[in-house]
């Protein structure tokens, strides 16, 4: 039983932090379920960025992997909103 606590702490460390207080309609992690960058759904604010040939993705503004995210996905920054940087990512 003494080994259970370190194992549980290790699992908790792999879980991404919860999103900051925002009204962005997050759908899921963009590249993987635990990704800090989140696919964003539709609401009155996000409609202006949504299109058929791209995804709208929000990454925490202080996310250290933003450069890698942009390089891997071809993302283009379109706005900053409630502590997140918003990107349009081509789907085709």
C-alpha atoms as a PDB file:
ATOM      1  CA  UNK A   1       0.000   0.000   0.000  1.00  0.00           C
ATOM      2  CA  UNK A   2       2.925   2.358   0.583  1.00  0.00           C
ATOM      3  CA  UNK A   3       3.577   2.426  -3.207  1.00  0.00           C
ATOM      4  CA  UNK A   4       0.063   3.533  -4.103  1.00  0.00           C
ATOM      5  CA  UNK A   5       0.521   7.225  -3.288  1.00  0.00           C
ATOM      6  CA  UNK A   6       3.536   7.837  -5.597  1.00  0.00           C
ATOM      7  CA  UNK A   7       1.776   6.021  -8.431  1.00  0.00           C
ATOM      8  CA  UNK A   8      -1.353   8.128  -8.022  1.00  0.00           C
ATOM      9  CA  UNK A   9       0.697  11.313  -7.867  1.00  0.00           C
ATOM     10  CA  UNK A  10       2.457  10.289 -11.079  1.00  0.00           C
ATOM     11  CA  UNK A  11      -0.872   9.825 -12.852  1.00  0.00           C
ATOM     12  CA  UNK A  12      -2.146  13.178 -11.601  1.00  0.00           C
ATOM     13  CA  UNK A  13       0.984  14.897 -12.924  1.00  0.00           C
ATOM     14  CA  UNK A  14       0.181  13.640 -16.453  1.00  0.00           C
ATOM     15  CA  UNK A  15      -3.314  15.139 -16.433  1.00  0.00           C
ATOM     16  CA  UNK A  16      -3.479  18.599 -18.035  1.00  0.00           C
ATOM     17  CA  UNK A  17      -4.664  21.448 -15.864  1.00  0.00           C
ATOM     18  CA  UNK A  18      -8.325  22.369 -16.198  1.00  0.00           C
ATOM     19  CA  UNK A  19      -9.094  25.223 -18.606  1.00  0.00           C
ATOM     20  CA  UNK A  20      -9.133  28.720 -17.138  1.00  0.00           C
ATOM     21  CA  UNK A  21     -12.488  30.372 -16.585  1.00  0.00           C
ATOM     22  CA  UNK A  22     -13.761  31.039 -20.084  1.00  0.00           C
ATOM     23  CA  UNK A  23     -16.897  30.833 -22.147  1.00  0.00           C
ATOM     24  CA  UNK A  24     -15.113  29.229 -25.103  1.00  0.00           C
ATOM     25  CA  UNK A  25     -16.989  26.043 -26.053  1.00  0.00           C
ATOM     26  CA  UNK A  26     -14.167  23.491 -25.849  1.00  0.00           C
ATOM     27  CA  UNK A  27     -14.803  20.240 -27.728  1.00  0.00           C
ATOM     28  CA  UNK A  28     -11.698  18.106 -27.014  1.00  0.00           C
ATOM     29  CA  UNK A  29      -7.925  18.180 -27.031  1.00  0.00           C
ATOM     30  CA  UNK A  30      -6.825  19.090 -30.548  1.00  0.00           C
ATOM     31  CA  UNK A  31      -3.945  16.683 -31.268  1.00  0.00           C
ATOM     32  CA  UNK A  32      -4.680  14.231 -28.449  1.00  0.00           C
ATOM     33  CA  UNK A  33      -7.252  13.968 -25.638  1.00  0.00           C
ATOM     34  CA  UNK A  34      -4.885  15.523 -23.058  1.00  0.00           C
ATOM     35  CA  UNK A  35      -3.619  18.295 -25.366  1.00  0.00           C
ATOM     36  CA  UNK A  36      -3.607  21.758 -23.785  1.00  0.00           C
ATOM     37  CA  UNK A  37      -4.678  23.172 -27.151  1.00  0.00           C
ATOM     38  CA  UNK A  38      -8.402  22.574 -27.521  1.00  0.00           C
ATOM     39  CA  UNK A  39     -10.690  22.343 -30.526  1.00  0.00           C
ATOM     40  CA  UNK A  40     -13.285  25.091 -30.110  1.00  0.00           C
ATOM     41  CA  UNK A  41     -16.936  24.787 -31.024  1.00  0.00           C
ATOM     42  CA  UNK A  42     -19.505  27.322 -32.081  1.00  0.00           C
ATOM     43  CA  UNK A  43     -20.925  30.244 -30.119  1.00  0.00           C
ATOM     44  CA  UNK A  44     -21.678  33.916 -30.811  1.00  0.00           C
ATOM     45  CA  UNK A  45     -18.013  34.918 -30.411  1.00  0.00           C
ATOM     46  CA  UNK A  46     -16.325  32.029 -32.256  1.00  0.00           C
ATOM     47  CA  UNK A  47     -18.637  32.091 -35.303  1.00  0.00           C
ATOM     48  CA  UNK A  48     -16.524  34.849 -36.861  1.00  0.00           C
ATOM     49  CA  UNK A  49     -13.544  32.468 -37.069  1.00  0.00           C
ATOM     50  CA  UNK A  50     -15.193  29.183 -38.076  1.00  0.00           C
ATOM     51  CA  UNK A  51     -15.010  27.881 -41.618  1.00  0.00           C
ATOM     52  CA  UNK A  52     -15.338  24.711 -43.669  1.00  0.00           C
ATOM     53  CA  UNK A  53     -11.633  24.393 -44.488  1.00  0.00           C
ATOM     54  CA  UNK A  54     -10.206  25.000 -41.015  1.00  0.00           C
ATOM     55  CA  UNK A  55     -10.526  24.284 -37.304  1.00  0.00           C
ATOM     56  CA  UNK A  56     -10.579  26.883 -34.560  1.00  0.00           C
ATOM     57  CA  UNK A  57      -8.155  25.955 -31.797  1.00  0.00           C
ATOM     58  CA  UNK A  58      -7.488  27.689 -28.469  1.00  0.00           C
ATOM     59  CA  UNK A  59      -4.189  27.282 -26.641  1.00  0.00           C
ATOM     60  CA  UNK A  60      -3.434  28.770 -23.223  1.00  0.00           C
ATOM     61  CA  UNK A  61      -1.638  32.081 -23.818  1.00  0.00           C
ATOM     62  CA  UNK A  62       1.228  30.958 -21.568  1.00  0.00           C
ATOM     63  CA  UNK A  63       1.562  27.512 -23.200  1.00  0.00           C
ATOM     64  CA  UNK A  64       5.271  26.833 -23.749  1.00  0.00           C
ATOM     65  CA  UNK A  65       4.596  24.631 -26.790  1.00  0.00           C
ATOM     66  CA  UNK A  66       2.973  27.326 -28.968  1.00  0.00           C
ATOM     67  CA  UNK A  67       5.887  27.418 -31.408  1.00  0.00           C
ATOM     68  CA  UNK A  68       5.789  23.657 -31.885  1.00  0.00           C
ATOM     69  CA  UNK A  69       2.003  23.734 -32.245  1.00  0.00           C
ATOM     70  CA  UNK A  70       2.210  26.372 -35.005  1.00  0.00           C
ATOM     71  CA  UNK A  71       5.028  24.529 -36.808  1.00  0.00           C
ATOM     72  CA  UNK A  72       3.257  21.147 -36.662  1.00  0.00           C
ATOM     73  CA  UNK A  73      -0.189  22.357 -37.688  1.00  0.00           C
ATOM     74  CA  UNK A  74       0.341  25.415 -39.908  1.00  0.00           C
ATOM     75  CA  UNK A  75      -1.829  27.405 -37.493  1.00  0.00           C
ATOM     76  CA  UNK A  76      -2.396  31.125 -37.948  1.00  0.00           C
ATOM     77  CA  UNK A  77      -3.147  33.268 -34.907  1.00  0.00           C
ATOM     78  CA  UNK A  78      -6.421  35.178 -35.219  1.00  0.00           C
ATOM     79  CA  UNK A  79      -7.108  36.567 -31.740  1.00  0.00           C
ATOM     80  CA  UNK A  80      -6.482  36.407 -28.003  1.00  0.00           C
ATOM     81  CA  UNK A  81      -9.453  35.814 -25.735  1.00  0.00           C
ATOM     82  CA  UNK A  82      -9.835  35.216 -22.000  1.00  0.00           C
ATOM     83  CA  UNK A  83      -6.285  33.932 -21.504  1.00  0.00           C
ATOM     84  CA  UNK A  84      -6.205  31.877 -24.705  1.00  0.00           C
ATOM     85  CA  UNK A  85      -4.559  32.409 -28.064  1.00  0.00           C
ATOM     86  CA  UNK A  86      -6.924  31.475 -30.894  1.00  0.00           C
ATOM     87  CA  UNK A  87      -5.671  29.873 -34.076  1.00  0.00           C
ATOM     88  CA  UNK A  88      -7.167  28.861 -37.383  1.00  0.00           C
ATOM     89  CA  UNK A  89      -5.720  25.490 -38.438  1.00  0.00           C
ATOM     90  CA  UNK A  90      -6.204  24.342 -42.047  1.00  0.00           C
ATOM     91  CA  UNK A  91      -7.882  20.956 -42.348  1.00  0.00           C
ATOM     92  CA  UNK A  92      -7.019  20.191 -45.948  1.00  0.00           C
END
